[in-house]
């Protein structure tokens, strides 16, 4: 699944903040709103988009088949 760079950046920043214990509700809400907007614009299910985005950000090696 292709994602806009801005959406990947938002999710990456949120994931890194969560790992540091610094994720805010506002940051999480911003990511959710962006996921929802992308899903609606793409005609896809929001949950499917969210899971694919998380996999792309958290497990990039899975996208390239490992290296």
C-alpha atoms as a PDB file:
ATOM      1  CA  UNK A   1       0.000   0.000   0.000  1.00  0.00           C
ATOM      2  CA  UNK A   2       1.333   3.424  -0.914  1.00  0.00           C
ATOM      3  CA  UNK A   3       1.171   6.186   1.680  1.00  0.00           C
ATOM      4  CA  UNK A   4       1.837   9.898   1.328  1.00  0.00           C
ATOM      5  CA  UNK A   5       5.153  10.908   2.902  1.00  0.00           C
ATOM      6  CA  UNK A   6       3.310  13.167   5.357  1.00  0.00           C
ATOM      7  CA  UNK A   7       1.273  10.271   6.718  1.00  0.00           C
ATOM      8  CA  UNK A   8       4.372   8.126   7.176  1.00  0.00           C
ATOM      9  CA  UNK A   9       6.091  11.028   8.938  1.00  0.00           C
ATOM     10  CA  UNK A  10       3.165  11.502  11.317  1.00  0.00           C
ATOM     11  CA  UNK A  11       3.031   7.809  12.202  1.00  0.00           C
ATOM     12  CA  UNK A  12       6.811   7.605  12.576  1.00  0.00           C
ATOM     13  CA  UNK A  13       6.871  10.582  14.931  1.00  0.00           C
ATOM     14  CA  UNK A  14       3.986   9.142  16.960  1.00  0.00           C
ATOM     15  CA  UNK A  15       5.647   5.717  17.180  1.00  0.00           C
ATOM     16  CA  UNK A  16       8.929   7.254  18.305  1.00  0.00           C
ATOM     17  CA  UNK A  17       7.119   9.398  20.887  1.00  0.00           C
ATOM     18  CA  UNK A  18       5.268   6.323  22.170  1.00  0.00           C
ATOM     19  CA  UNK A  19       8.556   4.446  22.541  1.00  0.00           C
ATOM     20  CA  UNK A  20       9.850   7.302  24.703  1.00  0.00           C
ATOM     21  CA  UNK A  21       6.597   7.440  26.697  1.00  0.00           C
ATOM     22  CA  UNK A  22       5.888  10.916  25.326  1.00  0.00           C
ATOM     23  CA  UNK A  23       2.960  10.354  22.947  1.00  0.00           C
ATOM     24  CA  UNK A  24       0.247  12.914  23.586  1.00  0.00           C
ATOM     25  CA  UNK A  25      -3.463  12.516  22.983  1.00  0.00           C
ATOM     26  CA  UNK A  26      -3.295  15.411  20.509  1.00  0.00           C
ATOM     27  CA  UNK A  27      -0.529  13.720  18.524  1.00  0.00           C
ATOM     28  CA  UNK A  28      -2.410  10.415  18.461  1.00  0.00           C
ATOM     29  CA  UNK A  29      -5.599  12.200  17.355  1.00  0.00           C
ATOM     30  CA  UNK A  30      -3.699  13.932  14.538  1.00  0.00           C
ATOM     31  CA  UNK A  31      -2.442  10.586  13.255  1.00  0.00           C
ATOM     32  CA  UNK A  32      -5.913   9.036  13.481  1.00  0.00           C
ATOM     33  CA  UNK A  33      -7.450  11.954  11.585  1.00  0.00           C
ATOM     34  CA  UNK A  34      -4.826  11.630   8.853  1.00  0.00           C
ATOM     35  CA  UNK A  35      -5.395   7.869   8.604  1.00  0.00           C
ATOM     36  CA  UNK A  36      -9.144   8.386   8.343  1.00  0.00           C
ATOM     37  CA  UNK A  37      -8.746  11.072   5.664  1.00  0.00           C
ATOM     38  CA  UNK A  38      -6.386   8.861   3.637  1.00  0.00           C
ATOM     39  CA  UNK A  39      -8.718   5.880   3.930  1.00  0.00           C
ATOM     40  CA  UNK A  40     -11.723   7.917   2.803  1.00  0.00           C
ATOM     41  CA  UNK A  41      -9.814   9.481  -0.103  1.00  0.00           C
ATOM     42  CA  UNK A  42      -8.574   6.047  -1.178  1.00  0.00           C
ATOM     43  CA  UNK A  43     -11.901   4.267  -0.731  1.00  0.00           C
ATOM     44  CA  UNK A  44     -10.347   1.895   1.775  1.00  0.00           C
ATOM     45  CA  UNK A  45     -11.294   0.673   5.229  1.00  0.00           C
ATOM     46  CA  UNK A  46      -9.673   2.830   7.936  1.00  0.00           C
ATOM     47  CA  UNK A  47      -8.610  -0.205   9.967  1.00  0.00           C
ATOM     48  CA  UNK A  48      -6.874  -1.763   6.958  1.00  0.00           C
ATOM     49  CA  UNK A  49      -5.034   1.488   6.247  1.00  0.00           C
ATOM     50  CA  UNK A  50      -3.998   1.852   9.883  1.00  0.00           C
ATOM     51  CA  UNK A  51      -2.643  -1.692  10.152  1.00  0.00           C
ATOM     52  CA  UNK A  52      -0.705  -1.381   6.884  1.00  0.00           C
ATOM     53  CA  UNK A  53       0.723   1.973   7.962  1.00  0.00           C
ATOM     54  CA  UNK A  54       1.832   0.606  11.327  1.00  0.00           C
ATOM     55  CA  UNK A  55       3.488  -2.358   9.604  1.00  0.00           C
ATOM     56  CA  UNK A  56       5.265  -0.019   7.168  1.00  0.00           C
ATOM     57  CA  UNK A  57       6.592   2.178   9.966  1.00  0.00           C
ATOM     58  CA  UNK A  58       7.319  -0.424  12.631  1.00  0.00           C
ATOM     59  CA  UNK A  59       8.548  -3.277  10.436  1.00  0.00           C
ATOM     60  CA  UNK A  60      10.040  -1.752   7.282  1.00  0.00           C
ATOM     61  CA  UNK A  61      12.071  -4.888   6.664  1.00  0.00           C
ATOM     62  CA  UNK A  62       8.825  -6.779   5.988  1.00  0.00           C
ATOM     63  CA  UNK A  63       8.057  -4.377   3.125  1.00  0.00           C
ATOM     64  CA  UNK A  64      11.379  -5.073   1.405  1.00  0.00           C
ATOM     65  CA  UNK A  65      11.534  -8.760   2.181  1.00  0.00           C
ATOM     66  CA  UNK A  66      14.348  -8.258   4.683  1.00  0.00           C
ATOM     67  CA  UNK A  67      17.868  -7.245   3.842  1.00  0.00           C
END
